[in-house]
Protein backbone atom coordinates (compact mmCIF):
# COMPACT_ATOMS: atom_id res chain seq x y z
CA MET A 1 16.08 -67.43 189.45
CA GLU A 2 15.99 -64.56 186.97
CA ARG A 3 16.02 -61.02 188.35
CA TRP A 4 13.49 -58.45 187.19
CA ALA A 5 13.25 -54.69 186.72
CA VAL A 6 10.38 -52.45 185.71
CA VAL A 7 11.51 -49.43 183.70
CA ALA A 8 8.95 -46.59 183.64
CA ASP A 9 9.15 -43.17 182.05
CA ASP A 10 7.46 -41.35 184.94
CA LEU A 11 6.99 -41.79 188.67
CA THR A 12 3.24 -42.44 188.72
CA GLY A 13 3.67 -45.15 186.09
CA ALA A 14 6.46 -46.69 188.15
CA GLY A 15 4.12 -46.81 191.14
CA ASP A 16 0.97 -48.12 189.47
CA THR A 17 2.92 -50.92 187.78
CA GLY A 18 5.18 -51.78 190.68
CA VAL A 19 2.16 -52.27 192.93
CA GLN A 20 0.87 -55.02 190.62
CA PHE A 21 3.90 -57.11 191.63
CA VAL A 22 3.35 -56.31 195.30
CA ARG A 23 -0.27 -57.46 195.04
CA GLU A 24 1.04 -60.87 193.99
CA GLY A 25 3.19 -61.23 197.11
CA LEU A 26 6.43 -59.90 195.63
CA LYS A 27 8.70 -57.26 197.17
CA ALA A 28 9.30 -54.18 195.01
CA LYS A 29 11.26 -50.95 195.39
CA VAL A 30 10.82 -47.76 193.34
CA CYS A 31 14.01 -45.85 192.51
CA LEU A 32 13.09 -42.18 192.27
CA THR A 33 16.12 -41.22 190.18
CA LEU A 34 18.81 -42.97 188.14
CA GLU A 35 21.29 -42.31 190.96
CA ASP A 36 19.15 -44.51 193.21
CA ILE A 37 19.76 -47.61 191.07
CA ARG A 38 21.93 -49.66 193.37
CA ASN A 39 22.12 -53.19 194.70
CA GLN A 40 18.75 -54.86 194.42
CA GLY A 41 19.08 -56.36 197.88
CA ASP A 42 16.22 -58.67 198.80
CA TYR A 43 13.74 -57.00 196.45
CA ASP A 44 12.14 -59.25 193.83
CA VAL A 45 11.55 -56.35 191.45
CA LEU A 46 13.46 -53.10 191.08
CA VAL A 47 11.25 -50.33 189.65
CA VAL A 48 13.17 -47.57 187.89
CA ASN A 49 11.76 -44.12 187.09
CA THR A 50 13.69 -42.65 184.14
CA ASP A 51 11.56 -39.47 184.03
CA SER A 52 12.03 -39.52 180.26
CA ARG A 53 8.53 -39.18 178.84
CA ALA A 54 8.89 -35.51 177.86
CA MET A 55 12.55 -35.72 176.78
CA PRO A 56 13.62 -35.46 173.12
CA GLY A 57 13.72 -38.94 171.61
CA ASP A 58 17.51 -39.13 171.24
CA ARG A 59 18.04 -38.00 174.84
CA ALA A 60 15.52 -40.57 176.14
CA GLN A 61 17.32 -43.29 174.21
CA GLU A 62 20.63 -42.27 175.73
CA VAL A 63 19.15 -42.40 179.24
CA LEU A 64 17.68 -45.86 178.62
CA ARG A 65 21.03 -47.17 177.38
CA THR A 66 22.59 -45.99 180.65
CA VAL A 67 19.81 -47.67 182.65
CA ALA A 68 20.26 -50.92 180.72
CA GLY A 69 23.97 -50.91 181.52
CA LYS A 70 23.40 -50.32 185.25
CA LEU A 71 20.74 -53.02 185.50
CA LYS A 72 22.87 -55.57 183.67
CA GLU A 73 25.75 -54.88 186.05
CA MET A 74 23.38 -55.81 188.89
CA GLY A 75 22.59 -59.15 187.27
CA ILE A 76 19.10 -58.19 186.10
CA SER A 77 18.16 -59.99 182.88
CA SER A 78 14.37 -59.55 182.62
CA VAL A 79 12.65 -56.22 182.04
CA TYR A 80 9.07 -54.99 182.01
CA LYS A 81 8.99 -51.72 180.06
CA LYS A 82 6.16 -49.66 181.50
CA ILE A 83 4.62 -47.28 178.97
CA ASP A 84 1.66 -44.93 179.07
CA SER A 85 -1.56 -46.72 178.14
CA THR A 86 -2.26 -43.96 175.60
CA PHE A 87 1.26 -44.24 174.12
CA ARG A 88 2.53 -40.82 175.14
CA GLY A 89 6.28 -40.42 175.29
CA ASN A 90 9.27 -41.97 173.50
CA VAL A 91 8.02 -45.54 173.29
CA ALA A 92 9.87 -46.59 170.13
CA GLU A 93 13.19 -45.05 171.14
CA GLU A 94 13.12 -46.47 174.65
CA VAL A 95 12.11 -49.95 173.48
CA ASP A 96 14.95 -49.95 170.94
CA ALA A 97 17.47 -48.97 173.62
CA LEU A 98 16.42 -51.75 176.00
CA VAL A 99 16.19 -54.43 173.29
CA GLU A 100 19.71 -53.55 172.15
CA GLY A 101 21.08 -53.16 175.67
CA PHE A 102 19.82 -56.53 176.92
CA GLY A 103 19.86 -58.44 173.64
CA PHE A 104 16.18 -59.38 173.73
CA ASP A 105 14.86 -61.55 170.88
CA LEU A 106 11.80 -59.35 170.65
CA ALA A 107 9.62 -56.80 172.41
CA LEU A 108 5.95 -57.70 172.88
CA VAL A 109 4.06 -54.39 172.96
CA ALA A 110 0.54 -54.46 174.41
CA PRO A 111 -0.59 -51.15 175.97
CA SER A 112 -4.19 -52.34 176.48
CA PHE A 113 -5.73 -51.82 179.90
CA PRO A 114 -9.35 -52.93 179.34
CA ALA A 115 -10.47 -52.09 182.89
CA ASN A 116 -9.58 -48.45 182.13
CA GLY A 117 -11.03 -48.40 178.61
CA ARG A 118 -7.73 -48.84 176.74
CA THR A 119 -7.82 -51.52 174.03
CA VAL A 120 -5.99 -52.32 170.81
CA VAL A 121 -7.92 -53.69 167.81
CA GLY A 122 -6.47 -54.10 164.33
CA GLY A 123 -3.35 -52.35 165.58
CA TYR A 124 -5.36 -49.24 166.48
CA LEU A 125 -5.18 -47.92 170.04
CA LEU A 126 -8.65 -47.03 171.32
CA VAL A 127 -9.61 -45.04 174.40
CA ASN A 128 -13.17 -45.91 175.40
CA GLY A 129 -13.74 -47.04 171.83
CA GLU A 130 -12.33 -43.89 170.21
CA PRO A 131 -9.02 -43.79 168.30
CA VAL A 132 -6.50 -42.23 170.65
CA SER A 133 -5.52 -39.48 168.19
CA ARG A 134 -9.14 -38.23 168.23
CA THR A 135 -9.24 -37.91 172.01
CA PRO A 136 -7.72 -35.08 174.07
CA ILE A 137 -4.53 -37.17 174.17
CA GLY A 138 -4.07 -36.25 170.51
CA GLN A 139 -3.77 -32.61 171.59
CA ASP A 140 -1.67 -33.18 174.70
CA PRO A 141 0.46 -30.00 175.15
CA VAL A 142 3.64 -31.96 175.96
CA THR A 143 3.43 -35.40 174.34
CA PRO A 144 0.53 -35.49 171.84
CA VAL A 145 -0.33 -38.82 170.17
CA ARG A 146 -1.36 -37.92 166.62
CA GLU A 147 -1.34 -41.45 165.17
CA SER A 148 -3.67 -44.21 166.38
CA PHE A 149 -2.26 -47.05 164.25
CA LEU A 150 0.52 -48.32 166.49
CA PRO A 151 2.58 -50.24 163.90
CA ALA A 152 2.95 -47.01 161.91
CA LEU A 153 3.62 -44.95 165.02
CA ILE A 154 6.41 -47.30 166.15
CA ALA A 155 7.88 -47.86 162.68
CA ALA A 156 8.27 -44.11 162.12
CA ARG A 157 10.58 -43.82 165.14
CA SER A 158 12.24 -47.23 165.43
CA ARG A 159 15.20 -48.78 163.67
CA ARG A 160 13.72 -52.25 163.94
CA PRO A 161 11.10 -54.09 161.81
CA VAL A 162 7.61 -54.04 163.32
CA THR A 163 4.81 -56.58 162.97
CA HIS A 164 1.23 -56.81 164.18
CA LEU A 165 -0.36 -59.69 166.13
CA PRO A 166 -4.12 -59.61 165.33
CA LEU A 167 -6.95 -60.25 167.76
CA SER A 168 -8.18 -63.21 165.71
CA LEU A 169 -4.93 -65.02 166.51
CA VAL A 170 -4.71 -63.85 170.13
CA ALA A 171 -8.17 -65.33 170.77
CA ARG A 172 -7.08 -68.78 169.54
CA GLY A 173 -4.92 -69.51 172.56
CA PRO A 174 -1.27 -69.79 173.58
CA GLN A 175 0.08 -72.21 170.96
CA PRO A 176 -0.81 -70.17 167.83
CA VAL A 177 0.49 -67.01 169.50
CA SER A 178 3.74 -68.71 170.54
CA ASP A 179 4.19 -69.91 166.95
CA PHE A 180 3.60 -66.37 165.68
CA LEU A 181 6.17 -64.90 168.08
CA ARG A 182 8.80 -67.46 167.12
CA GLY A 183 8.14 -66.75 163.44
CA ALA A 184 8.44 -62.99 163.98
CA ALA A 185 11.77 -63.41 165.79
CA ALA A 186 13.07 -65.68 163.04
CA ARG A 187 12.18 -63.04 160.43
CA GLY A 188 13.94 -60.33 162.42
CA GLU A 189 10.70 -58.59 163.34
CA ARG A 190 11.86 -57.64 166.81
CA THR A 191 8.85 -55.46 167.79
CA VAL A 192 5.41 -57.10 167.94
CA ILE A 193 2.33 -54.90 168.45
CA ALA A 194 -0.44 -57.08 169.95
CA ASP A 195 -4.19 -56.59 169.91
CA ALA A 196 -6.03 -57.13 173.20
CA VAL A 197 -9.55 -56.21 174.31
CA SER A 198 -9.81 -58.13 177.60
CA SER A 199 -7.77 -59.24 180.56
CA ALA A 200 -8.01 -62.77 179.17
CA ASP A 201 -6.25 -61.59 176.01
CA LEU A 202 -3.43 -60.10 178.08
CA GLU A 203 -3.13 -63.30 180.12
CA ASN A 204 -2.93 -65.27 176.87
CA LEU A 205 -0.20 -63.01 175.49
CA VAL A 206 1.95 -63.43 178.60
CA ALA A 207 1.47 -67.20 178.75
CA SER A 208 2.28 -67.47 175.03
CA ALA A 209 5.44 -65.38 175.27
CA MET A 210 6.70 -67.23 178.33
CA SER A 211 6.28 -70.58 176.60
CA ALA A 212 7.74 -69.52 173.24
CA GLY A 213 11.36 -70.14 174.23
CA LEU A 214 12.39 -66.58 173.42
CA LYS A 215 14.04 -63.84 175.46
CA THR A 216 11.10 -61.45 175.42
CA MET A 217 10.70 -57.96 176.86
CA PHE A 218 7.13 -57.15 177.82
CA VAL A 219 6.07 -53.60 176.98
CA GLY A 220 2.77 -52.32 178.31
CA SER A 221 0.77 -50.40 180.84
CA ALA A 222 -0.27 -51.63 184.28
CA GLY A 223 -2.78 -53.86 182.46
CA LEU A 224 -0.15 -56.19 180.97
CA ALA A 225 1.88 -56.00 184.19
CA ILE A 226 -0.86 -57.85 186.08
CA PRO A 227 -0.42 -61.23 184.34
CA VAL A 228 3.37 -60.77 184.17
CA ALA A 229 3.45 -60.23 187.95
CA ARG A 230 1.17 -63.22 188.53
CA ASN A 231 3.43 -65.50 186.50
CA LEU A 232 6.57 -64.22 188.23
CA ALA A 233 5.01 -64.74 191.66
CA ARG A 234 4.02 -68.27 190.71
CA ALA A 235 7.55 -69.03 189.49
CA LYS A 236 9.03 -67.73 192.75
CA GLY A 237 6.51 -69.61 194.86
CA ARG A 238 5.19 -66.37 196.34
CA ARG A 239 1.58 -66.71 195.24
CA THR A 240 -0.37 -67.11 198.48
CA SER A 241 -3.98 -66.37 197.51
CA LYS A 242 -6.53 -69.16 197.73
CA PHE A 243 -8.96 -68.36 194.96
CA VAL A 244 -11.68 -70.99 194.53
CA LEU A 245 -13.79 -71.54 191.42
CA VAL A 246 -17.24 -73.03 192.04
CA VAL A 247 -19.03 -74.38 188.97
CA CYS A 248 -22.72 -75.04 189.59
CA GLY A 249 -24.23 -76.84 186.63
CA SER A 250 -27.02 -78.56 188.53
CA VAL A 251 -30.47 -76.95 188.35
CA ASN A 252 -31.56 -78.78 191.51
CA PRO A 253 -33.19 -76.12 193.75
CA LYS A 254 -31.12 -77.30 196.70
CA SER A 255 -27.90 -76.79 194.75
CA ARG A 256 -28.94 -73.28 193.75
CA GLU A 257 -29.83 -72.48 197.37
CA GLN A 258 -26.31 -73.58 198.34
CA ALA A 259 -24.80 -71.35 195.65
CA GLU A 260 -26.82 -68.37 196.88
CA ALA A 261 -25.62 -69.01 200.43
CA LEU A 262 -22.02 -68.87 199.24
CA LEU A 263 -22.63 -65.68 197.29
CA GLN A 264 -23.88 -64.02 200.47
CA GLN A 265 -20.36 -64.35 201.88
CA PRO A 266 -17.92 -61.43 201.44
CA GLY A 267 -15.48 -61.73 198.56
CA TRP A 268 -17.61 -63.89 196.26
CA ALA A 269 -18.95 -62.97 192.82
CA GLY A 270 -21.53 -64.77 190.73
CA VAL A 271 -21.27 -65.08 186.96
CA THR A 272 -24.16 -66.53 184.95
CA VAL A 273 -23.23 -68.41 181.78
CA ASP A 274 -25.94 -68.37 179.08
CA PRO A 275 -25.76 -71.66 177.12
CA GLY A 276 -28.31 -70.35 174.62
CA VAL A 277 -25.99 -67.58 173.46
CA TYR A 278 -23.06 -70.03 173.50
CA MET A 279 -24.86 -72.41 171.15
CA LYS A 280 -25.92 -69.65 168.76
CA GLU A 281 -22.88 -67.35 168.62
CA GLN A 282 -19.72 -68.38 170.46
CA ASP A 283 -17.76 -65.24 169.57
CA LEU A 284 -20.49 -63.02 171.03
CA TRP A 285 -20.77 -65.29 174.08
CA SER A 286 -17.02 -65.14 174.60
CA ALA A 287 -16.98 -61.34 174.33
CA ILE A 288 -19.84 -60.94 176.84
CA LEU A 289 -18.20 -63.32 179.32
CA GLY A 290 -14.84 -61.59 178.89
CA GLN A 291 -16.38 -58.20 179.67
CA THR A 292 -18.13 -59.60 182.73
CA LEU A 293 -14.93 -61.09 184.12
CA ASP A 294 -13.01 -57.89 183.34
CA SER A 295 -15.54 -55.92 185.40
CA ILE A 296 -14.77 -57.96 188.54
CA ARG A 297 -11.09 -58.87 188.13
CA ASN A 298 -9.81 -55.93 190.22
CA ARG A 299 -12.09 -56.70 193.15
CA ASP A 300 -10.63 -58.38 196.22
CA LEU A 301 -12.27 -61.75 195.61
CA GLN A 302 -12.05 -65.11 197.34
CA GLY A 303 -13.73 -66.85 194.44
CA ILE A 304 -16.30 -66.98 191.67
CA VAL A 305 -19.48 -69.02 191.35
CA LEU A 306 -20.27 -69.95 187.73
CA THR A 307 -23.92 -70.87 187.16
CA THR A 308 -26.38 -71.30 184.32
CA PRO A 309 -29.95 -69.96 184.20
CA ALA A 310 -32.08 -72.01 186.62
CA LYS A 311 -35.65 -70.68 186.36
CA ALA A 312 -38.11 -72.95 184.58
CA GLU A 313 -38.81 -70.44 181.81
CA GLU A 314 -35.08 -69.88 181.25
CA ILE A 315 -34.41 -73.61 181.02
CA SER A 316 -37.26 -73.94 178.51
CA ARG A 317 -35.80 -71.08 176.48
CA VAL A 318 -32.38 -72.71 176.30
CA LYS A 319 -33.92 -76.02 175.21
CA ALA A 320 -36.03 -74.29 172.54
CA GLU A 321 -33.00 -72.40 171.20
CA ALA A 322 -31.00 -75.60 171.07
CA ILE A 323 -33.71 -77.51 169.20
CA ALA A 324 -34.07 -74.61 166.75
CA LEU A 325 -30.36 -75.00 166.01
CA GLY A 326 -30.84 -78.69 165.22
CA ILE A 327 -29.54 -79.97 168.55
CA GLN A 328 -31.45 -82.98 169.85
CA GLU A 329 -33.07 -82.55 173.25
CA LYS A 330 -31.02 -85.39 174.72
CA ASP A 331 -27.83 -83.48 173.84
CA VAL A 332 -28.84 -80.14 175.38
CA GLY A 333 -27.39 -81.04 178.79
CA ARG A 334 -24.06 -81.89 177.18
CA LYS A 335 -23.97 -78.50 175.43
CA VAL A 336 -24.73 -76.74 178.72
CA SER A 337 -21.83 -78.57 180.39
CA GLU A 338 -19.62 -77.67 177.42
CA ALA A 339 -20.49 -73.99 177.84
CA LEU A 340 -19.57 -74.16 181.53
CA ALA A 341 -16.25 -75.87 180.74
CA LYS A 342 -15.42 -73.17 178.19
CA ALA A 343 -16.35 -70.53 180.77
CA VAL A 344 -13.88 -72.17 183.15
CA SER A 345 -11.14 -71.60 180.56
CA HIS A 346 -11.94 -67.87 180.53
CA VAL A 347 -11.75 -67.70 184.31
CA LEU A 348 -8.42 -69.55 184.37
CA ARG A 349 -6.87 -67.04 181.97
CA ILE A 350 -7.61 -64.18 184.37
CA PHE A 351 -7.64 -65.65 187.89
CA ASP A 352 -5.10 -67.88 189.60
CA VAL A 353 -7.46 -70.63 190.76
CA SER A 354 -6.18 -72.71 193.68
CA GLY A 355 -9.08 -75.17 193.84
CA PHE A 356 -12.36 -76.23 192.23
CA VAL A 357 -15.82 -77.09 193.53
CA LEU A 358 -17.96 -78.82 190.91
CA THR A 359 -21.68 -79.53 191.36
CA GLY A 360 -23.65 -81.82 189.08
CA GLY A 361 -22.27 -85.03 187.60
CA ASP A 362 -22.23 -83.95 183.95
CA THR A 363 -20.66 -80.62 184.88
CA ALA A 364 -17.95 -82.23 186.98
CA ALA A 365 -17.06 -84.75 184.25
CA SER A 366 -16.98 -82.05 181.55
CA VAL A 367 -14.81 -79.63 183.56
CA ILE A 368 -12.36 -82.30 184.73
CA SER A 369 -11.97 -83.55 181.17
CA PHE A 370 -11.47 -80.00 179.93
CA LEU A 371 -8.75 -79.46 182.53
CA GLY A 372 -6.87 -82.38 180.99
CA SER A 373 -7.10 -84.55 184.11
CA SER A 374 -7.58 -88.30 183.98
CA GLY A 375 -9.29 -88.56 187.36
CA ILE A 376 -9.36 -87.60 191.04
CA GLU A 377 -7.23 -88.97 193.86
CA LEU A 378 -9.76 -89.09 196.70
CA GLU A 379 -8.66 -87.88 200.13
CA SER A 380 -11.59 -87.07 202.43
CA GLU A 381 -15.08 -85.57 202.60
CA VAL A 382 -16.44 -82.09 203.13
CA SER A 383 -19.62 -83.74 204.42
CA PRO A 384 -21.22 -87.16 203.86
CA GLY A 385 -21.33 -87.87 200.12
CA VAL A 386 -19.29 -84.77 199.17
CA PRO A 387 -15.73 -85.95 198.48
CA VAL A 388 -12.58 -83.86 198.21
CA GLY A 389 -9.45 -84.94 196.38
CA LYS A 390 -6.75 -83.89 193.96
CA LEU A 391 -6.82 -83.77 190.17
CA VAL A 392 -4.65 -86.41 188.52
CA GLY A 393 -2.76 -85.51 185.35
CA GLY A 394 -2.81 -82.48 183.07
CA PRO A 395 -1.66 -78.93 183.77
CA TYR A 396 -3.70 -78.78 187.00
CA ASP A 397 -2.32 -82.03 188.43
CA GLY A 398 -2.51 -81.98 192.23
CA ARG A 399 -4.98 -79.09 192.37
CA PRO A 400 -7.70 -79.78 195.00
CA VAL A 401 -11.23 -80.43 193.82
CA VAL A 402 -14.59 -81.07 195.48
CA THR A 403 -17.40 -82.80 193.59
CA LYS A 404 -21.02 -82.74 194.71
CA ALA A 405 -24.25 -84.20 193.39
CA GLY A 406 -26.91 -81.55 192.91
CA GLY A 407 -29.15 -82.54 195.83
CA PHE A 408 -26.43 -83.47 198.33
CA GLY A 409 -25.37 -81.47 201.37
CA GLY A 410 -26.85 -78.87 203.65
CA LYS A 411 -27.45 -75.23 202.85
CA ASP A 412 -23.86 -74.23 203.71
CA VAL A 413 -22.05 -77.13 202.05
CA LEU A 414 -20.51 -74.96 199.32
CA CYS A 415 -19.34 -72.47 201.94
CA GLU A 416 -17.75 -75.36 203.85
CA ALA A 417 -16.17 -76.77 200.67
CA ALA A 418 -14.68 -73.44 199.68
CA LYS A 419 -13.33 -72.85 203.20
CA MET A 420 -11.75 -76.31 203.24
CA LEU A 421 -9.95 -75.67 199.95
CA GLN A 422 -8.74 -72.26 201.11
CA ASN A 423 -7.32 -73.77 204.30
CA LEU A 424 -5.39 -76.54 202.57
CA LYS A 425 -1.61 -76.20 202.77
């Protein structure tokens, strides 16, 4: 199993990034000084504070070369380079030193931390929507950031070719991004600046890089560290959370009462998916859903309940909007199920889902198909007529799933289903 280090340029950054690995069940140690870099022991992640943010660039590079040498001697081969989310410090110099020291194929640079208002669009670093150079960070007395266009900022201080990964490509999913990264490495473009405006984008970047077959160094703030830590924990078998995704596509009043009962329990969040917006403007729908999920991702959740509008007037509105778009009334239900399945994909990019509860026949069939499964291996029942089993085939093979007809079960059946999935070994 590969051994990891986080290399940060100040102590607070070392702490706020190291804790992301701890939250995923990993054991991490912060080294306060370079002299403290010793045997990793039984720690999964060694977090190194180089205290180099305010150093001259050449001095910072020298320090990072020394750190790279010490870490390699300890058998560490994977590095997360923690940088300031507003790009203060010697980012280019330190990235160069680590890429050279470890022989990485490329550095994937993504400082975005959407939950804290840091995003990158078109290569420009924005703080709450404002170019970073126009914020007080641009006048920082120690490490001012006077350029907001990150490819230019890096290129001016790096010896290596720089390229930009646009948001339009990031949003298309892992395969196009993996292809882009492999192409960049083949061209010798060893530093890739990536756009990202949501946690889902960051998840996609990490998944893409890890499947690209390259030796990649991740460079980012605590925002990018979250999906990196999650993937590392999963690889080490340390992920212990039991996060359940409930998808309630049925408009049966009984089903909605069951969903409300679950949402009354601590640790559950409800997210309403609007099929009308999905049918009219999928990019806008995706952005709204991404922002909603970002707003809850740092909460200590047991699960999410995805629903669609259920009031009579809301259902009529969705039907009217669909018909206005040329969709036949008989196909509206299919489009609603499609919207829910796409919403599931957004959730899966951000949350590590351990099991699914699907209500409504069309919804269950649509989600299971979307997950790439060919069926369900039945095992038992939550209650009469509410089966539980495991998905068969696809990337979620073996993942537990409960299916329920809209009108089946008592008021607490979804609470019981979620509890059963969370208690499975």
